Amino acid sequence: MALASTSLFLSRWLSAPGRVGAVAPSGRKLAERMASATLADGPGVVVELGGGTGAITSELVKAAGQDGVVVVEIDPAMCRVIERRFPAITVVQGDAFRLDQVLQHAGVTAVRGIASGLPLLTQPPERRQALLEKCLSVMEGGPLVQFTYSLFSPIPFDILRETGVRAERMGRVWQNVPPASIWRYSLAA
């Protein structure tokens, strides 16, 4: 499975590097840390944006259960991989930048946290801000957790100040290839 997942990622990255932000699936340590940072108390499902081949999905399912996870993935081939690996979860082929519409269409009414592997640094700042605002608007105070290969927040600090969002760097996972930083965003108290 690991070789097939890596091959799929690499082929998708070569055909659309701005849409697929990685050449390989996330490592187990990154997936574990993403899942633990995303889970928040409260009702609703955990949403994963950009599920890829399911590395982070696997850890979210362990923590939240199969009926507690919804994956939004734009690539149809990657959707099929996740559906085969996790037949009981909800997988939605859709654009995460239209999250409110995608979740409404899927019948999701309550979200307690969002994990994102989207390649935000390939997007202009105003598009990143729009995604941040949509994510926070569909949750009742839960976090948006994003990983990035950059050392810095993929959401610029001026946008965070402007929107009243608190950013917390949850550390760097050196065991991942390439190493990744995890950022947790939530509405400031």
N, C-alpha and C. Protein backbone atom coordinates (compact mmCIF):
# COMPACT_ATOMS: atom_id res chain seq x y z
N MET A 1 0.82 -1.20 0.00
CA MET A 1 0.00 0.00 0.00
C MET A 1 0.85 1.25 0.00
N ALA A 2 1.95 1.26 0.75
CA ALA A 2 2.79 2.45 0.86
C ALA A 2 3.39 2.81 -0.50
N LEU A 3 3.87 1.82 -1.25
CA LEU A 3 4.45 2.11 -2.56
C LEU A 3 3.39 2.61 -3.52
N ALA A 4 2.21 2.01 -3.49
CA ALA A 4 1.12 2.45 -4.36
C ALA A 4 0.68 3.88 -4.01
N SER A 5 0.61 4.18 -2.71
CA SER A 5 0.22 5.53 -2.28
C SER A 5 1.26 6.55 -2.72
N THR A 6 2.53 6.22 -2.55
CA THR A 6 3.60 7.13 -2.95
C THR A 6 3.58 7.34 -4.46
N SER A 7 3.36 6.29 -5.21
CA SER A 7 3.31 6.40 -6.68
C SER A 7 2.15 7.30 -7.11
N LEU A 8 0.98 7.12 -6.48
CA LEU A 8 -0.17 7.95 -6.81
C LEU A 8 0.11 9.41 -6.48
N PHE A 9 0.66 9.68 -5.31
CA PHE A 9 0.99 11.05 -4.93
C PHE A 9 1.96 11.67 -5.93
N LEU A 10 3.01 10.94 -6.26
CA LEU A 10 4.02 11.48 -7.17
C LEU A 10 3.43 11.77 -8.54
N SER A 11 2.62 10.87 -9.06
CA SER A 11 2.02 11.10 -10.38
C SER A 11 1.06 12.29 -10.35
N ARG A 12 0.27 12.43 -9.28
CA ARG A 12 -0.65 13.55 -9.16
C ARG A 12 0.11 14.86 -8.97
N TRP A 13 1.20 14.81 -8.22
CA TRP A 13 2.01 16.01 -8.01
C TRP A 13 2.65 16.45 -9.32
N LEU A 14 3.16 15.51 -10.10
CA LEU A 14 3.77 15.86 -11.38
C LEU A 14 2.75 16.48 -12.34
N SER A 15 1.51 16.01 -12.29
CA SER A 15 0.49 16.55 -13.20
C SER A 15 -0.12 17.85 -12.70
N ALA A 16 -0.12 18.08 -11.38
CA ALA A 16 -0.72 19.31 -10.83
C ALA A 16 -0.05 19.68 -9.51
N PRO A 17 1.19 20.20 -9.56
CA PRO A 17 1.92 20.48 -8.31
C PRO A 17 1.25 21.53 -7.43
N GLY A 18 0.46 22.44 -7.98
CA GLY A 18 -0.22 23.43 -7.16
C GLY A 18 -1.42 22.88 -6.44
N ARG A 19 -1.94 21.75 -6.93
CA ARG A 19 -3.13 21.15 -6.33
C ARG A 19 -2.77 20.04 -5.35
N VAL A 20 -1.67 19.37 -5.60
CA VAL A 20 -1.17 18.33 -4.70
C VAL A 20 0.12 18.85 -4.11
N GLY A 21 0.15 19.07 -2.83
CA GLY A 21 1.28 19.74 -2.21
C GLY A 21 2.40 18.84 -1.76
N ALA A 22 2.30 17.54 -1.98
CA ALA A 22 3.32 16.62 -1.50
C ALA A 22 3.65 15.60 -2.57
N VAL A 23 4.86 15.08 -2.51
CA VAL A 23 5.24 14.03 -3.44
C VAL A 23 5.05 12.65 -2.83
N ALA A 24 4.70 12.61 -1.54
CA ALA A 24 4.49 11.34 -0.85
C ALA A 24 3.47 11.55 0.26
N PRO A 25 2.81 10.47 0.68
CA PRO A 25 1.84 10.57 1.77
C PRO A 25 2.51 11.00 3.09
N SER A 26 1.72 11.56 3.98
CA SER A 26 2.22 11.95 5.30
C SER A 26 2.70 10.71 6.06
N GLY A 27 3.73 10.91 6.87
CA GLY A 27 4.23 9.83 7.70
C GLY A 27 3.34 9.59 8.91
N ARG A 28 3.55 8.44 9.55
CA ARG A 28 2.72 8.04 10.69
C ARG A 28 2.81 9.04 11.85
N LYS A 29 4.00 9.53 12.16
CA LYS A 29 4.15 10.48 13.28
C LYS A 29 3.39 11.78 13.00
N LEU A 30 3.48 12.27 11.77
CA LEU A 30 2.75 13.48 11.42
C LEU A 30 1.25 13.22 11.52
N ALA A 31 0.80 12.09 11.00
CA ALA A 31 -0.63 11.75 11.05
C ALA A 31 -1.12 11.67 12.50
N GLU A 32 -0.36 11.03 13.37
CA GLU A 32 -0.75 10.92 14.78
C GLU A 32 -0.85 12.29 15.43
N ARG A 33 0.13 13.15 15.19
CA ARG A 33 0.14 14.48 15.81
C ARG A 33 -1.00 15.35 15.26
N MET A 34 -1.28 15.22 13.96
CA MET A 34 -2.40 15.97 13.36
C MET A 34 -3.72 15.55 14.01
N ALA A 35 -3.92 14.25 14.15
CA ALA A 35 -5.18 13.76 14.74
C ALA A 35 -5.33 14.23 16.18
N SER A 36 -4.28 14.13 16.97
CA SER A 36 -4.41 14.53 18.38
C SER A 36 -4.62 16.04 18.51
N ALA A 37 -4.06 16.84 17.62
CA ALA A 37 -4.23 18.29 17.69
C ALA A 37 -5.61 18.72 17.20
N THR A 38 -6.24 17.91 16.35
CA THR A 38 -7.53 18.27 15.75
C THR A 38 -8.71 17.96 16.63
N LEU A 39 -8.64 16.87 17.37
CA LEU A 39 -9.80 16.44 18.13
C LEU A 39 -10.15 17.44 19.21
N ALA A 40 -11.38 17.88 19.18
CA ALA A 40 -11.89 18.82 20.18
C ALA A 40 -13.14 18.20 20.78
N ASP A 41 -13.42 18.54 22.02
CA ASP A 41 -14.64 18.05 22.65
C ASP A 41 -15.84 18.69 21.97
N GLY A 42 -16.94 17.99 22.03
CA GLY A 42 -18.16 18.56 21.49
C GLY A 42 -18.78 17.67 20.44
N PRO A 43 -19.96 18.07 20.01
CA PRO A 43 -20.68 17.27 19.02
C PRO A 43 -20.12 17.49 17.62
N GLY A 44 -20.43 16.57 16.74
CA GLY A 44 -20.08 16.74 15.34
C GLY A 44 -18.94 15.85 14.90
N VAL A 45 -18.66 15.97 13.64
CA VAL A 45 -17.63 15.15 13.00
C VAL A 45 -16.33 15.93 12.92
N VAL A 46 -15.27 15.19 12.65
CA VAL A 46 -13.98 15.78 12.31
C VAL A 46 -13.89 15.76 10.80
N VAL A 47 -13.53 16.87 10.21
CA VAL A 47 -13.42 16.98 8.76
C VAL A 47 -11.95 17.03 8.39
N GLU A 48 -11.59 16.25 7.38
CA GLU A 48 -10.23 16.31 6.84
C GLU A 48 -10.29 16.93 5.46
N LEU A 49 -9.47 17.93 5.24
CA LEU A 49 -9.39 18.58 3.94
C LEU A 49 -8.15 18.09 3.21
N GLY A 50 -8.35 17.54 2.02
CA GLY A 50 -7.22 17.02 1.26
C GLY A 50 -6.75 15.70 1.84
N GLY A 51 -7.61 14.71 1.82
CA GLY A 51 -7.31 13.41 2.44
C GLY A 51 -6.22 12.60 1.77
N GLY A 52 -5.88 12.93 0.53
CA GLY A 52 -4.82 12.19 -0.15
C GLY A 52 -5.14 10.72 -0.23
N THR A 53 -4.24 9.89 0.28
CA THR A 53 -4.44 8.44 0.28
C THR A 53 -4.81 7.90 1.66
N GLY A 54 -5.05 8.80 2.61
CA GLY A 54 -5.62 8.37 3.88
C GLY A 54 -4.67 8.20 5.05
N ALA A 55 -3.46 8.74 4.97
CA ALA A 55 -2.53 8.59 6.10
C ALA A 55 -3.08 9.26 7.36
N ILE A 56 -3.52 10.50 7.24
CA ILE A 56 -4.08 11.22 8.40
C ILE A 56 -5.47 10.68 8.70
N THR A 57 -6.21 10.33 7.66
CA THR A 57 -7.54 9.76 7.83
C THR A 57 -7.50 8.58 8.78
N SER A 58 -6.51 7.71 8.61
CA SER A 58 -6.38 6.51 9.44
C SER A 58 -6.31 6.86 10.92
N GLU A 59 -5.53 7.87 11.25
CA GLU A 59 -5.40 8.28 12.66
C GLU A 59 -6.66 8.98 13.16
N LEU A 60 -7.31 9.75 12.29
CA LEU A 60 -8.57 10.39 12.69
C LEU A 60 -9.64 9.34 12.97
N VAL A 61 -9.70 8.29 12.15
CA VAL A 61 -10.66 7.21 12.36
C VAL A 61 -10.39 6.49 13.68
N LYS A 62 -9.11 6.26 13.99
CA LYS A 62 -8.77 5.62 15.27
C LYS A 62 -9.27 6.46 16.45
N ALA A 63 -9.15 7.76 16.33
CA ALA A 63 -9.50 8.65 17.44
C ALA A 63 -10.98 8.99 17.50
N ALA A 64 -11.62 9.15 16.34
CA ALA A 64 -13.01 9.64 16.32
C ALA A 64 -14.02 8.60 15.88
N GLY A 65 -13.57 7.44 15.41
CA GLY A 65 -14.49 6.42 14.92
C GLY A 65 -14.86 6.66 13.47
N GLN A 66 -15.31 5.61 12.80
CA GLN A 66 -15.60 5.72 11.37
C GLN A 66 -16.76 6.64 11.06
N ASP A 67 -17.73 6.71 11.96
CA ASP A 67 -18.86 7.60 11.70
C ASP A 67 -18.57 9.03 12.15
N GLY A 68 -17.37 9.27 12.66
CA GLY A 68 -17.01 10.60 13.14
C GLY A 68 -16.06 11.36 12.24
N VAL A 69 -15.83 10.84 11.01
CA VAL A 69 -14.86 11.47 10.11
C VAL A 69 -15.50 11.69 8.73
N VAL A 70 -15.29 12.89 8.19
CA VAL A 70 -15.69 13.22 6.82
C VAL A 70 -14.45 13.73 6.11
N VAL A 71 -14.16 13.17 4.95
CA VAL A 71 -13.00 13.59 4.16
C VAL A 71 -13.47 14.34 2.93
N VAL A 72 -12.86 15.50 2.69
CA VAL A 72 -13.12 16.28 1.49
C VAL A 72 -11.84 16.24 0.66
N GLU A 73 -11.95 15.65 -0.52
CA GLU A 73 -10.79 15.49 -1.41
C GLU A 73 -11.24 15.84 -2.83
N ILE A 74 -10.45 16.63 -3.52
CA ILE A 74 -10.84 17.08 -4.86
C ILE A 74 -10.47 16.07 -5.95
N ASP A 75 -9.44 15.27 -5.71
CA ASP A 75 -8.94 14.35 -6.74
C ASP A 75 -9.75 13.05 -6.74
N PRO A 76 -10.38 12.69 -7.86
CA PRO A 76 -11.22 11.49 -7.88
C PRO A 76 -10.46 10.19 -7.61
N ALA A 77 -9.22 10.08 -8.08
CA ALA A 77 -8.44 8.87 -7.84
C ALA A 77 -8.13 8.71 -6.36
N MET A 78 -7.80 9.80 -5.70
CA MET A 78 -7.51 9.73 -4.27
C MET A 78 -8.78 9.46 -3.47
N CYS A 79 -9.91 9.99 -3.93
CA CYS A 79 -11.19 9.67 -3.28
C CYS A 79 -11.43 8.16 -3.30
N ARG A 80 -11.18 7.55 -4.44
CA ARG A 80 -11.40 6.10 -4.57
C ARG A 80 -10.49 5.31 -3.62
N VAL A 81 -9.25 5.75 -3.47
CA VAL A 81 -8.32 5.08 -2.55
C VAL A 81 -8.86 5.15 -1.13
N ILE A 82 -9.28 6.33 -0.70
CA ILE A 82 -9.80 6.49 0.66
C ILE A 82 -11.07 5.67 0.85
N GLU A 83 -11.97 5.68 -0.14
CA GLU A 83 -13.21 4.90 -0.05
C GLU A 83 -12.93 3.42 0.07
N ARG A 84 -11.92 2.93 -0.62
CA ARG A 84 -11.55 1.50 -0.50
C ARG A 84 -10.94 1.19 0.86
N ARG A 85 -10.10 2.09 1.37
CA ARG A 85 -9.45 1.86 2.67
C ARG A 85 -10.42 1.99 3.84
N PHE A 86 -11.39 2.91 3.71
CA PHE A 86 -12.30 3.22 4.82
C PHE A 86 -13.74 3.24 4.30
N PRO A 87 -14.31 2.08 4.00
CA PRO A 87 -15.63 2.05 3.36
C PRO A 87 -16.77 2.63 4.21
N ALA A 88 -16.59 2.77 5.52
CA ALA A 88 -17.68 3.25 6.37
C ALA A 88 -17.65 4.76 6.61
N ILE A 89 -16.59 5.45 6.17
CA ILE A 89 -16.57 6.90 6.41
C ILE A 89 -17.17 7.63 5.22
N THR A 90 -17.48 8.89 5.42
CA THR A 90 -18.02 9.73 4.35
C THR A 90 -16.87 10.41 3.63
N VAL A 91 -16.76 10.14 2.33
CA VAL A 91 -15.75 10.77 1.49
C VAL A 91 -16.50 11.61 0.46
N VAL A 92 -16.16 12.89 0.40
CA VAL A 92 -16.83 13.80 -0.51
C VAL A 92 -15.81 14.31 -1.52
N GLN A 93 -16.06 14.06 -2.80
CA GLN A 93 -15.21 14.65 -3.82
C GLN A 93 -15.68 16.08 -4.01
N GLY A 94 -14.83 17.02 -3.61
CA GLY A 94 -15.24 18.41 -3.70
C GLY A 94 -14.09 19.34 -3.40
N ASP A 95 -14.34 20.61 -3.59
CA ASP A 95 -13.35 21.66 -3.42
C ASP A 95 -13.43 22.19 -1.99
N ALA A 96 -12.38 22.02 -1.23
CA ALA A 96 -12.35 22.48 0.16
C ALA A 96 -12.53 23.99 0.27
N PHE A 97 -12.21 24.72 -0.77
CA PHE A 97 -12.38 26.17 -0.74
C PHE A 97 -13.85 26.57 -0.86
N ARG A 98 -14.71 25.58 -1.06
CA ARG A 98 -16.17 25.78 -1.04
C ARG A 98 -16.76 24.92 0.09
N LEU A 99 -16.05 24.90 1.20
CA LEU A 99 -16.35 23.98 2.30
C LEU A 99 -17.79 24.06 2.78
N ASP A 100 -18.32 25.25 2.95
CA ASP A 100 -19.68 25.38 3.45
C ASP A 100 -20.67 24.66 2.52
N GLN A 101 -20.52 24.84 1.23
CA GLN A 101 -21.41 24.19 0.26
C GLN A 101 -21.20 22.68 0.22
N VAL A 102 -19.93 22.25 0.28
CA VAL A 102 -19.61 20.82 0.24
C VAL A 102 -20.22 20.10 1.44
N LEU A 103 -20.07 20.67 2.63
CA LEU A 103 -20.60 20.04 3.84
C LEU A 103 -22.12 20.04 3.84
N GLN A 104 -22.71 21.13 3.38
CA GLN A 104 -24.17 21.19 3.30
C GLN A 104 -24.69 20.11 2.36
N HIS A 105 -24.06 19.95 1.22
CA HIS A 105 -24.46 18.93 0.25
C HIS A 105 -24.31 17.51 0.83
N ALA A 106 -23.31 17.32 1.68
CA ALA A 106 -23.07 16.02 2.31
C ALA A 106 -23.95 15.78 3.53
N GLY A 107 -24.73 16.79 3.93
CA GLY A 107 -25.61 16.64 5.08
C GLY A 107 -24.92 16.79 6.43
N VAL A 108 -23.73 17.38 6.45
CA VAL A 108 -22.99 17.58 7.69
C VAL A 108 -23.50 18.85 8.37
N THR A 109 -23.95 18.70 9.61
CA THR A 109 -24.52 19.85 10.32
C THR A 109 -23.68 20.33 11.49
N ALA A 110 -22.77 19.48 11.99
CA ALA A 110 -21.93 19.87 13.12
C ALA A 110 -20.51 19.38 12.91
N VAL A 111 -19.55 20.30 13.09
CA VAL A 111 -18.13 19.99 12.92
C VAL A 111 -17.41 20.37 14.19
N ARG A 112 -16.60 19.45 14.72
CA ARG A 112 -15.86 19.76 15.96
C ARG A 112 -14.39 20.05 15.75
N GLY A 113 -13.88 19.80 14.56
CA GLY A 113 -12.48 20.09 14.26
C GLY A 113 -12.19 19.80 12.80
N ILE A 114 -11.18 20.48 12.27
CA ILE A 114 -10.79 20.29 10.87
C ILE A 114 -9.29 20.08 10.80
N ALA A 115 -8.89 19.01 10.11
CA ALA A 115 -7.48 18.73 9.82
C ALA A 115 -7.25 19.00 8.35
N SER A 116 -6.20 19.73 8.03
CA SER A 116 -5.96 20.09 6.63
C SER A 116 -4.54 19.77 6.20
N GLY A 117 -4.47 19.12 5.05
CA GLY A 117 -3.20 18.88 4.39
C GLY A 117 -3.13 19.62 3.07
N LEU A 118 -4.00 20.62 2.91
CA LEU A 118 -4.03 21.38 1.66
C LEU A 118 -2.73 22.15 1.48
N PRO A 119 -2.26 22.27 0.24
CA PRO A 119 -1.03 23.04 -0.03
C PRO A 119 -1.32 24.54 -0.04
N LEU A 120 -1.52 25.11 1.13
CA LEU A 120 -1.94 26.51 1.23
C LEU A 120 -0.92 27.49 0.67
N LEU A 121 0.35 27.16 0.75
CA LEU A 121 1.36 28.11 0.28
C LEU A 121 1.33 28.30 -1.23
N THR A 122 0.62 27.45 -1.95
CA THR A 122 0.47 27.63 -3.40
C THR A 122 -0.70 28.56 -3.72
N GLN A 123 -1.42 29.00 -2.69
CA GLN A 123 -2.61 29.84 -2.87
C GLN A 123 -2.30 31.29 -2.49
N PRO A 124 -2.95 32.25 -3.17
CA PRO A 124 -2.75 33.65 -2.77
C PRO A 124 -3.32 33.89 -1.36
N PRO A 125 -2.78 34.88 -0.65
CA PRO A 125 -3.22 35.14 0.73
C PRO A 125 -4.73 35.32 0.89
N GLU A 126 -5.38 36.01 -0.05
CA GLU A 126 -6.82 36.22 0.10
C GLU A 126 -7.60 34.92 0.01
N ARG A 127 -7.11 33.96 -0.75
CA ARG A 127 -7.77 32.64 -0.83
C ARG A 127 -7.55 31.85 0.46
N ARG A 128 -6.37 31.98 1.04
CA ARG A 128 -6.10 31.33 2.33
C ARG A 128 -7.00 31.92 3.41
N GLN A 129 -7.16 33.24 3.39
CA GLN A 129 -8.04 33.90 4.37
C GLN A 129 -9.48 33.42 4.20
N ALA A 130 -9.93 33.31 2.98
CA ALA A 130 -11.31 32.85 2.73
C ALA A 130 -11.50 31.43 3.26
N LEU A 131 -10.51 30.56 3.06
CA LEU A 131 -10.61 29.19 3.57
C LEU A 131 -10.64 29.20 5.09
N LEU A 132 -9.76 29.96 5.71
CA LEU A 132 -9.72 30.06 7.17
C LEU A 132 -11.08 30.49 7.71
N GLU A 133 -11.65 31.53 7.12
CA GLU A 133 -12.94 32.03 7.58
C GLU A 133 -14.05 31.00 7.39
N LYS A 134 -14.04 30.26 6.26
CA LYS A 134 -15.06 29.22 6.05
C LYS A 134 -14.91 28.11 7.07
N CYS A 135 -13.68 27.69 7.32
CA CYS A 135 -13.46 26.62 8.29
C CYS A 135 -13.97 27.02 9.67
N LEU A 136 -13.61 28.20 10.11
CA LEU A 136 -14.03 28.63 11.44
C LEU A 136 -15.53 28.88 11.52
N SER A 137 -16.16 29.22 10.39
CA SER A 137 -17.60 29.48 10.42
C SER A 137 -18.43 28.20 10.48
N VAL A 138 -17.89 27.07 10.05
CA VAL A 138 -18.67 25.81 10.09
C VAL A 138 -18.49 25.07 11.41
N MET A 139 -17.62 25.59 12.28
CA MET A 139 -17.38 24.93 13.57
C MET A 139 -17.92 25.75 14.72
N GLU A 140 -18.16 25.07 15.82
CA GLU A 140 -18.56 25.74 17.07
C GLU A 140 -17.34 25.87 17.96
N GLY A 141 -16.35 26.62 17.50
CA GLY A 141 -15.17 26.87 18.33
C GLY A 141 -14.06 25.87 18.19
N GLY A 142 -14.22 24.85 17.36
CA GLY A 142 -13.17 23.85 17.19
C GLY A 142 -11.98 24.40 16.44
N PRO A 143 -10.89 23.64 16.41
CA PRO A 143 -9.68 24.13 15.75
C PRO A 143 -9.60 23.73 14.27
N LEU A 144 -8.86 24.53 13.53
CA LEU A 144 -8.38 24.16 12.21
C LEU A 144 -6.91 23.83 12.40
N VAL A 145 -6.53 22.62 12.05
CA VAL A 145 -5.14 22.18 12.21
C VAL A 145 -4.57 21.94 10.82
N GLN A 146 -3.47 22.62 10.52
CA GLN A 146 -2.86 22.60 9.19
C GLN A 146 -1.41 22.18 9.32
N PHE A 147 -0.95 21.30 8.42
CA PHE A 147 0.49 21.07 8.39
C PHE A 147 1.07 21.74 7.17
N THR A 148 2.34 22.09 7.29
CA THR A 148 3.06 22.76 6.21
C THR A 148 4.52 22.33 6.26
N TYR A 149 5.16 22.38 5.11
CA TYR A 149 6.59 22.08 5.06
C TYR A 149 7.42 23.31 5.36
N SER A 150 6.78 24.46 5.44
CA SER A 150 7.45 25.71 5.77
C SER A 150 7.67 25.79 7.29
N LEU A 151 8.61 26.62 7.68
CA LEU A 151 8.82 26.87 9.10
C LEU A 151 7.80 27.87 9.65
N PHE A 152 7.13 28.57 8.74
CA PHE A 152 6.24 29.66 9.13
C PHE A 152 4.78 29.30 8.87
N SER A 153 3.90 30.01 9.54
CA SER A 153 2.47 29.80 9.38
C SER A 153 2.06 29.99 7.92
N PRO A 154 1.30 29.05 7.36
CA PRO A 154 0.85 29.24 5.98
C PRO A 154 -0.24 30.31 5.86
N ILE A 155 -0.78 30.73 6.99
CA ILE A 155 -1.74 31.84 6.99
C ILE A 155 -0.99 33.04 7.57
N PRO A 156 -0.79 34.07 6.76
CA PRO A 156 0.00 35.22 7.21
C PRO A 156 -0.53 35.83 8.51
N PHE A 157 0.39 36.30 9.33
CA PHE A 157 0.02 36.84 10.64
C PHE A 157 -0.85 38.08 10.55
N ASP A 158 -0.71 38.88 9.48
CA ASP A 158 -1.59 40.05 9.36
C ASP A 158 -3.04 39.61 9.14
N ILE A 159 -3.24 38.51 8.42
CA ILE A 159 -4.59 37.96 8.24
C ILE A 159 -5.13 37.44 9.57
N LEU A 160 -4.29 36.79 10.33
CA LEU A 160 -4.71 36.26 11.63
C LEU A 160 -5.14 37.38 12.56
N ARG A 161 -4.37 38.46 12.60
CA ARG A 161 -4.73 39.61 13.44
C ARG A 161 -6.05 40.22 12.97
N GLU A 162 -6.18 40.38 11.66
CA GLU A 162 -7.38 41.00 11.08
C GLU A 162 -8.64 40.20 11.36
N THR A 163 -8.53 38.88 11.38
CA THR A 163 -9.70 38.03 11.57
C THR A 163 -9.90 37.60 13.02
N GLY A 164 -8.99 38.00 13.91
CA GLY A 164 -9.14 37.64 15.32
C GLY A 164 -8.89 36.16 15.58
N VAL A 165 -7.97 35.59 14.82
CA VAL A 165 -7.68 34.16 14.96
C VAL A 165 -6.34 33.98 15.67
N ARG A 166 -6.34 33.04 16.58
CA ARG A 166 -5.14 32.71 17.35
C ARG A 166 -4.42 31.57 16.64
N ALA A 167 -3.12 31.70 16.43
CA ALA A 167 -2.30 30.66 15.81
C ALA A 167 -1.34 30.09 16.84
N GLU A 168 -1.24 28.79 16.86
CA GLU A 168 -0.33 28.13 17.79
C GLU A 168 0.46 27.08 17.01
N ARG A 169 1.77 27.21 17.05
CA ARG A 169 2.62 26.22 16.39
C ARG A 169 2.72 25.02 17.32
N MET A 170 2.28 23.87 16.82
CA MET A 170 2.22 22.66 17.63
C MET A 170 3.50 21.83 17.53
N GLY A 171 4.51 22.36 16.89
CA GLY A 171 5.78 21.67 16.78
C GLY A 171 6.09 21.26 15.35
N ARG A 172 7.24 20.66 15.22
CA ARG A 172 7.73 20.20 13.92
C ARG A 172 7.95 18.70 14.01
N VAL A 173 7.54 17.98 12.98
CA VAL A 173 7.71 16.53 12.95
C VAL A 173 8.89 16.24 12.03
N TRP A 174 10.04 15.99 12.66
CA TRP A 174 11.27 15.77 11.91
C TRP A 174 11.29 14.40 11.23
N GLN A 175 10.50 13.45 11.74
CA GLN A 175 10.49 12.11 11.17
C GLN A 175 9.73 12.05 9.85
N ASN A 176 9.00 13.11 9.52
CA ASN A 176 8.25 13.13 8.26
C ASN A 176 9.21 13.48 7.12
N VAL A 177 8.89 13.01 5.91
CA VAL A 177 9.69 13.34 4.74
C VAL A 177 8.82 14.11 3.76
N PRO A 178 9.08 15.41 3.57
CA PRO A 178 10.02 16.25 4.31
C PRO A 178 9.45 16.62 5.68
N PRO A 179 10.31 17.12 6.57
CA PRO A 179 9.82 17.54 7.89
C PRO A 179 8.68 18.55 7.76
N ALA A 180 7.71 18.46 8.66
CA ALA A 180 6.52 19.31 8.58
C ALA A 180 6.24 19.98 9.92
N SER A 181 5.73 21.20 9.83
CA SER A 181 5.27 21.93 11.02
C SER A 181 3.75 21.83 11.09
N ILE A 182 3.24 21.80 12.31
CA ILE A 182 1.80 21.74 12.53
C ILE A 182 1.36 23.04 13.19
N TRP A 183 0.32 23.65 12.61
CA TRP A 183 -0.25 24.90 13.14
C TRP A 183 -1.70 24.64 13.50
N ARG A 184 -2.10 25.20 14.64
CA ARG A 184 -3.48 25.07 15.12
C ARG A 184 -4.08 26.48 15.21
N TYR A 185 -5.21 26.68 14.51
CA TYR A 185 -5.87 27.98 14.45
C TYR A 185 -7.22 27.88 15.15
N SER A 186 -7.53 28.88 15.95
CA SER A 186 -8.82 28.92 16.62
C SER A 186 -9.20 30.39 16.86
N LEU A 187 -10.48 30.61 17.09
CA LEU A 187 -10.92 31.97 17.36
C LEU A 187 -10.37 32.42 18.70
N ALA A 188 -9.85 33.63 18.74
CA ALA A 188 -9.31 34.17 19.99
C ALA A 188 -10.44 34.36 20.98
N ALA A 189 -10.15 34.11 22.25
CA ALA A 189 -11.17 34.22 23.30
C ALA A 189 -11.57 35.65 23.51
